[in-house]
PDB file of all heavy atoms in Angstrom:
ATOM      1  N   VAL A   1      -1.905   4.116   2.517  1.00  0.00           N
ATOM      2  CA  VAL A   1      -1.291   2.843   2.154  1.00  0.00           C
ATOM      3  C   VAL A   1      -2.348   1.991   1.451  1.00  0.00           C
ATOM      4  O   VAL A   1      -3.529   2.020   1.862  1.00  0.00           O
ATOM      5  CB  VAL A   1      -0.683   2.169   3.363  1.00  0.00           C
ATOM      6  CG1 VAL A   1      -0.303   0.724   3.040  1.00  0.00           C
ATOM      7  CG2 VAL A   1       0.470   2.886   3.923  1.00  0.00           C
ATOM      8  N   ARG A   2      -1.926   1.218   0.436  1.00  0.00           N
ATOM      9  CA  ARG A   2      -2.953   0.402  -0.265  1.00  0.00           C
ATOM     10  C   ARG A   2      -3.641  -0.521   0.743  1.00  0.00           C
ATOM     11  O   ARG A   2      -2.999  -1.051   1.658  1.00  0.00           O
ATOM     12  CB  ARG A   2      -2.345  -0.399  -1.414  1.00  0.00           C
ATOM     13  CG  ARG A   2      -1.405  -1.510  -1.092  1.00  0.00           C
ATOM     14  CD  ARG A   2      -1.106  -2.444  -2.264  1.00  0.00           C
ATOM     15  NE  ARG A   2      -0.650  -1.702  -3.462  1.00  0.00           N
ATOM     16  CZ  ARG A   2      -0.793  -2.138  -4.725  1.00  0.00           C
ATOM     17  NH1 ARG A   2      -1.394  -3.309  -4.931  1.00  0.00           N
ATOM     18  NH2 ARG A   2      -0.362  -1.449  -5.742  1.00  0.00           N
ATOM     19  N   GLY A   3      -4.934  -0.724   0.553  1.00  0.00           N
ATOM     20  CA  GLY A   3      -5.724  -1.536   1.464  1.00  0.00           C
ATOM     21  C   GLY A   3      -6.156  -0.818   2.721  1.00  0.00           C
ATOM     22  O   GLY A   3      -6.752  -1.456   3.605  1.00  0.00           O
ATOM     23  N   THR A   4      -5.841   0.478   2.844  1.00  0.00           N
ATOM     24  CA  THR A   4      -6.290   1.248   4.023  1.00  0.00           C
ATOM     25  C   THR A   4      -7.053   2.461   3.538  1.00  0.00           C
ATOM     26  O   THR A   4      -6.909   2.916   2.386  1.00  0.00           O
ATOM     27  CB  THR A   4      -5.121   1.692   4.914  1.00  0.00           C
ATOM     28  OG1 THR A   4      -4.361   2.730   4.226  1.00  0.00           O
ATOM     29  CG2 THR A   4      -4.232   0.515   5.243  1.00  0.00           C
ATOM     30  N   GLY A   5      -7.757   3.129   4.461  1.00  0.00           N
ATOM     31  CA  GLY A   5      -8.497   4.301   4.070  1.00  0.00           C
ATOM     32  C   GLY A   5      -9.419   4.065   2.863  1.00  0.00           C
ATOM     33  O   GLY A   5     -10.076   3.101   2.750  1.00  0.00           O
ATOM     34  N   CYS A   6      -9.319   4.966   1.889  1.00  0.00           N
ATOM     35  CA  CYS A   6     -10.096   4.830   0.678  1.00  0.00           C
ATOM     36  C   CYS A   6      -9.268   4.256  -0.490  1.00  0.00           C
ATOM     37  O   CYS A   6      -9.680   4.253  -1.639  1.00  0.00           O
ATOM     38  CB  CYS A   6     -10.695   6.182   0.272  1.00  0.00           C
ATOM     39  SG  CYS A   6     -12.030   6.698   1.319  1.00  0.00           S
ATOM     40  N   SER A   7      -8.056   3.819  -0.189  1.00  0.00           N
ATOM     41  CA  SER A   7      -7.205   3.253  -1.265  1.00  0.00           C
ATOM     42  C   SER A   7      -7.645   1.841  -1.585  1.00  0.00           C
ATOM     43  O   SER A   7      -8.172   1.110  -0.731  1.00  0.00           O
ATOM     44  CB  SER A   7      -5.724   3.160  -0.780  1.00  0.00           C
ATOM     45  OG  SER A   7      -5.148   4.470  -0.787  1.00  0.00           O
ATOM     46  N   GLY A   8      -7.386   1.435  -2.801  1.00  0.00           N
ATOM     47  CA  GLY A   8      -7.722   0.056  -3.243  1.00  0.00           C
ATOM     48  C   GLY A   8      -6.632  -0.898  -2.900  1.00  0.00           C
ATOM     49  O   GLY A   8      -5.635  -0.561  -2.270  1.00  0.00           O
ATOM     50  N   GLY A   9      -6.761  -2.136  -3.351  1.00  0.00           N
ATOM     51  CA  GLY A   9      -5.760  -3.165  -3.136  1.00  0.00           C
ATOM     52  C   GLY A   9      -5.870  -3.820  -1.788  1.00  0.00           C
ATOM     53  O   GLY A   9      -6.693  -3.486  -0.962  1.00  0.00           O
ATOM     54  N   ASP A  10      -4.977  -4.811  -1.569  1.00  0.00           N
ATOM     55  CA  ASP A  10      -5.000  -5.581  -0.305  1.00  0.00           C
ATOM     56  C   ASP A  10      -3.896  -5.068   0.597  1.00  0.00           C
ATOM     57  O   ASP A  10      -2.756  -4.859   0.118  1.00  0.00           O
ATOM     58  CB  ASP A  10      -4.788  -7.068  -0.593  1.00  0.00           C
ATOM     59  CG  ASP A  10      -6.047  -7.718  -1.176  1.00  0.00           C
ATOM     60  OD1 ASP A  10      -7.174  -7.281  -0.769  1.00  0.00           O
ATOM     61  OD2 ASP A  10      -5.905  -8.636  -1.980  1.00  0.00           O
ATOM     62  N   PHE A  11      -4.185  -4.941   1.875  1.00  0.00           N
ATOM     63  CA  PHE A  11      -3.261  -4.421   2.895  1.00  0.00           C
ATOM     64  C   PHE A  11      -2.242  -5.489   3.223  1.00  0.00           C
ATOM     65  O   PHE A  11      -2.521  -6.636   3.361  1.00  0.00           O
ATOM     66  CB  PHE A  11      -4.052  -4.021   4.103  1.00  0.00           C
ATOM     67  CG  PHE A  11      -3.202  -3.592   5.243  1.00  0.00           C
ATOM     68  CD1 PHE A  11      -2.492  -2.406   5.203  1.00  0.00           C
ATOM     69  CD2 PHE A  11      -3.035  -4.371   6.400  1.00  0.00           C
ATOM     70  CE1 PHE A  11      -1.709  -1.968   6.224  1.00  0.00           C
ATOM     71  CE2 PHE A  11      -2.266  -3.974   7.444  1.00  0.00           C
ATOM     72  CZ  PHE A  11      -1.573  -2.775   7.367  1.00  0.00           C
ATOM     73  N   ASP A  12      -0.988  -5.000   3.420  1.00  0.00           N
ATOM     74  CA  ASP A  12       0.108  -5.904   3.882  1.00  0.00           C
ATOM     75  C   ASP A  12       0.973  -5.001   4.749  1.00  0.00           C
ATOM     76  O   ASP A  12       1.647  -4.085   4.241  1.00  0.00           O
ATOM     77  CB  ASP A  12       0.907  -6.491   2.709  1.00  0.00           C
ATOM     78  CG  ASP A  12       1.969  -7.470   3.176  1.00  0.00           C
ATOM     79  OD1 ASP A  12       2.081  -7.692   4.411  1.00  0.00           O
ATOM     80  OD2 ASP A  12       2.760  -7.948   2.332  1.00  0.00           O
ATOM     81  N   LEU A  13       1.052  -5.218   6.066  1.00  0.00           N
ATOM     82  CA  LEU A  13       1.734  -4.355   6.984  1.00  0.00           C
ATOM     83  C   LEU A  13       3.218  -4.157   6.632  1.00  0.00           C
ATOM     84  O   LEU A  13       3.940  -5.164   6.546  1.00  0.00           O
ATOM     85  CB  LEU A  13       1.592  -4.896   8.401  1.00  0.00           C
ATOM     86  CG  LEU A  13       2.214  -4.102   9.518  1.00  0.00           C
ATOM     87  CD1 LEU A  13       1.457  -2.799   9.669  1.00  0.00           C
ATOM     88  CD2 LEU A  13       2.191  -4.918  10.828  1.00  0.00           C
ATOM     89  N   PHE A  14       3.623  -2.889   6.501  1.00  0.00           N
ATOM     90  CA  PHE A  14       5.011  -2.509   6.236  1.00  0.00           C
ATOM     91  C   PHE A  14       5.598  -3.343   5.040  1.00  0.00           C
ATOM     92  O   PHE A  14       6.697  -3.850   5.162  1.00  0.00           O
ATOM     93  CB  PHE A  14       5.882  -2.755   7.497  1.00  0.00           C
ATOM     94  CG  PHE A  14       5.371  -2.007   8.730  1.00  0.00           C
ATOM     95  CD1 PHE A  14       5.445  -2.630   9.960  1.00  0.00           C
ATOM     96  CD2 PHE A  14       4.859  -0.731   8.599  1.00  0.00           C
ATOM     97  CE1 PHE A  14       5.049  -1.954  11.071  1.00  0.00           C
ATOM     98  CE2 PHE A  14       4.386  -0.059   9.732  1.00  0.00           C
ATOM     99  CZ  PHE A  14       4.487  -0.641  10.977  1.00  0.00           C
ATOM    100  N   SER A  15       4.858  -3.391   3.974  1.00  0.00           N
ATOM    101  CA  SER A  15       5.259  -4.231   2.833  1.00  0.00           C
ATOM    102  C   SER A  15       6.112  -3.462   1.869  1.00  0.00           C
ATOM    103  O   SER A  15       6.011  -2.229   1.742  1.00  0.00           O
ATOM    104  CB  SER A  15       4.047  -4.843   2.144  1.00  0.00           C
ATOM    105  OG  SER A  15       3.376  -3.817   1.395  1.00  0.00           O
ATOM    106  N   TRP A  16       6.918  -4.142   1.081  1.00  0.00           N
ATOM    107  CA  TRP A  16       7.705  -3.581   0.032  1.00  0.00           C
ATOM    108  C   TRP A  16       6.802  -3.032  -1.087  1.00  0.00           C
ATOM    109  O   TRP A  16       7.106  -2.038  -1.728  1.00  0.00           O
ATOM    110  CB  TRP A  16       8.703  -4.590  -0.528  1.00  0.00           C
ATOM    111  CG  TRP A  16       9.645  -4.027  -1.511  1.00  0.00           C
ATOM    112  CD1 TRP A  16       9.761  -4.337  -2.846  1.00  0.00           C
ATOM    113  CD2 TRP A  16      10.686  -3.014  -1.291  1.00  0.00           C
ATOM    114  NE1 TRP A  16      10.803  -3.620  -3.432  1.00  0.00           N
ATOM    115  CE2 TRP A  16      11.357  -2.785  -2.466  1.00  0.00           C
ATOM    116  CE3 TRP A  16      11.020  -2.265  -0.161  1.00  0.00           C
ATOM    117  CZ2 TRP A  16      12.423  -1.839  -2.613  1.00  0.00           C
ATOM    118  CZ3 TRP A  16      12.046  -1.359  -0.253  1.00  0.00           C
ATOM    119  CH2 TRP A  16      12.705  -1.178  -1.485  1.00  0.00           C
ATOM    120  N   GLN A  17       5.629  -3.636  -1.281  1.00  0.00           N
ATOM    121  CA  GLN A  17       4.659  -3.203  -2.293  1.00  0.00           C
ATOM    122  C   GLN A  17       4.175  -1.778  -1.921  1.00  0.00           C
ATOM    123  O   GLN A  17       4.073  -0.912  -2.764  1.00  0.00           O
ATOM    124  CB  GLN A  17       3.484  -4.112  -2.381  1.00  0.00           C
ATOM    125  CG  GLN A  17       2.414  -3.670  -3.384  1.00  0.00           C
ATOM    126  CD  GLN A  17       2.981  -3.451  -4.769  1.00  0.00           C
ATOM    127  OE1 GLN A  17       3.452  -4.426  -5.435  1.00  0.00           O
ATOM    128  NE2 GLN A  17       2.901  -2.245  -5.302  1.00  0.00           N
ATOM    129  N   SER A  18       3.920  -1.546  -0.629  1.00  0.00           N
ATOM    130  CA  SER A  18       3.489  -0.200  -0.184  1.00  0.00           C
ATOM    131  C   SER A  18       4.628   0.848  -0.459  1.00  0.00           C
ATOM    132  O   SER A  18       4.377   1.974  -0.859  1.00  0.00           O
ATOM    133  CB  SER A  18       3.206  -0.165   1.293  1.00  0.00           C
ATOM    134  OG  SER A  18       2.039  -0.983   1.524  1.00  0.00           O
ATOM    135  N   ALA A  19       5.882   0.362  -0.255  1.00  0.00           N
ATOM    136  CA  ALA A  19       7.034   1.244  -0.509  1.00  0.00           C
ATOM    137  C   ALA A  19       7.102   1.604  -2.021  1.00  0.00           C
ATOM    138  O   ALA A  19       7.379   2.727  -2.382  1.00  0.00           O
ATOM    139  CB  ALA A  19       8.308   0.616  -0.018  1.00  0.00           C
ATOM    140  N   LEU A  20       6.847   0.614  -2.874  1.00  0.00           N
ATOM    141  CA  LEU A  20       6.896   0.834  -4.303  1.00  0.00           C
ATOM    142  C   LEU A  20       5.774   1.778  -4.721  1.00  0.00           C
ATOM    143  O   LEU A  20       5.918   2.633  -5.640  1.00  0.00           O
ATOM    144  CB  LEU A  20       6.790  -0.437  -5.059  1.00  0.00           C
ATOM    145  CG  LEU A  20       8.027  -1.367  -4.898  1.00  0.00           C
ATOM    146  CD1 LEU A  20       7.695  -2.732  -5.573  1.00  0.00           C
ATOM    147  CD2 LEU A  20       9.267  -0.739  -5.502  1.00  0.00           C
ATOM    148  N   ASP A  21       4.593   1.662  -4.039  1.00  0.00           N
ATOM    149  CA  ASP A  21       3.511   2.623  -4.295  1.00  0.00           C
ATOM    150  C   ASP A  21       3.982   4.062  -3.985  1.00  0.00           C
ATOM    151  O   ASP A  21       3.690   4.980  -4.736  1.00  0.00           O
ATOM    152  CB  ASP A  21       2.306   2.310  -3.446  1.00  0.00           C
ATOM    153  CG  ASP A  21       1.591   1.016  -3.871  1.00  0.00           C
ATOM    154  OD1 ASP A  21       1.865   0.538  -5.016  1.00  0.00           O
ATOM    155  OD2 ASP A  21       0.847   0.445  -3.043  1.00  0.00           O
ATOM    156  N   GLY A  22       4.681   4.226  -2.857  1.00  0.00           N
ATOM    157  CA  GLY A  22       5.181   5.515  -2.479  1.00  0.00           C
ATOM    158  C   GLY A  22       6.156   6.084  -3.497  1.00  0.00           C
ATOM    159  O   GLY A  22       6.188   7.289  -3.778  1.00  0.00           O
ATOM    160  N   ARG A  23       6.985   5.218  -4.076  1.00  0.00           N
ATOM    161  CA  ARG A  23       7.904   5.646  -5.099  1.00  0.00           C
ATOM    162  C   ARG A  23       7.153   6.207  -6.315  1.00  0.00           C
ATOM    163  O   ARG A  23       7.465   7.228  -6.869  1.00  0.00           O
ATOM    164  CB  ARG A  23       8.837   4.470  -5.517  1.00  0.00           C
ATOM    165  CG  ARG A  23       9.733   4.765  -6.695  1.00  0.00           C
ATOM    166  CD  ARG A  23      10.390   3.505  -7.193  1.00  0.00           C
ATOM    167  NE  ARG A  23      11.055   3.741  -8.500  1.00  0.00           N
ATOM    168  CZ  ARG A  23      12.310   4.020  -8.681  1.00  0.00           C
ATOM    169  NH1 ARG A  23      13.077   4.128  -7.627  1.00  0.00           N
ATOM    170  NH2 ARG A  23      12.816   4.197  -9.876  1.00  0.00           N
ATOM    171  N   GLU A  24       6.095   5.419  -6.729  1.00  0.00           N
ATOM    172  CA  GLU A  24       5.307   5.893  -7.875  1.00  0.00           C
ATOM    173  C   GLU A  24       4.617   7.241  -7.559  1.00  0.00           C
ATOM    174  O   GLU A  24       4.526   8.107  -8.463  1.00  0.00           O
ATOM    175  CB  GLU A  24       4.275   4.848  -8.211  1.00  0.00           C
ATOM    176  CG  GLU A  24       4.824   3.597  -8.928  1.00  0.00           C
ATOM    177  CD  GLU A  24       3.741   2.795  -9.618  1.00  0.00           C
ATOM    178  OE1 GLU A  24       2.915   3.365 -10.378  1.00  0.00           O
ATOM    179  OE2 GLU A  24       3.648   1.563  -9.341  1.00  0.00           O
TER     180      GLU A  24
END
């Protein structure tokens, strides 16, 4: 998820942005 591990971006718990990343 963005903002965790080695991924970039800012973390937001259970966010719609993370879901959109998964779609991409």
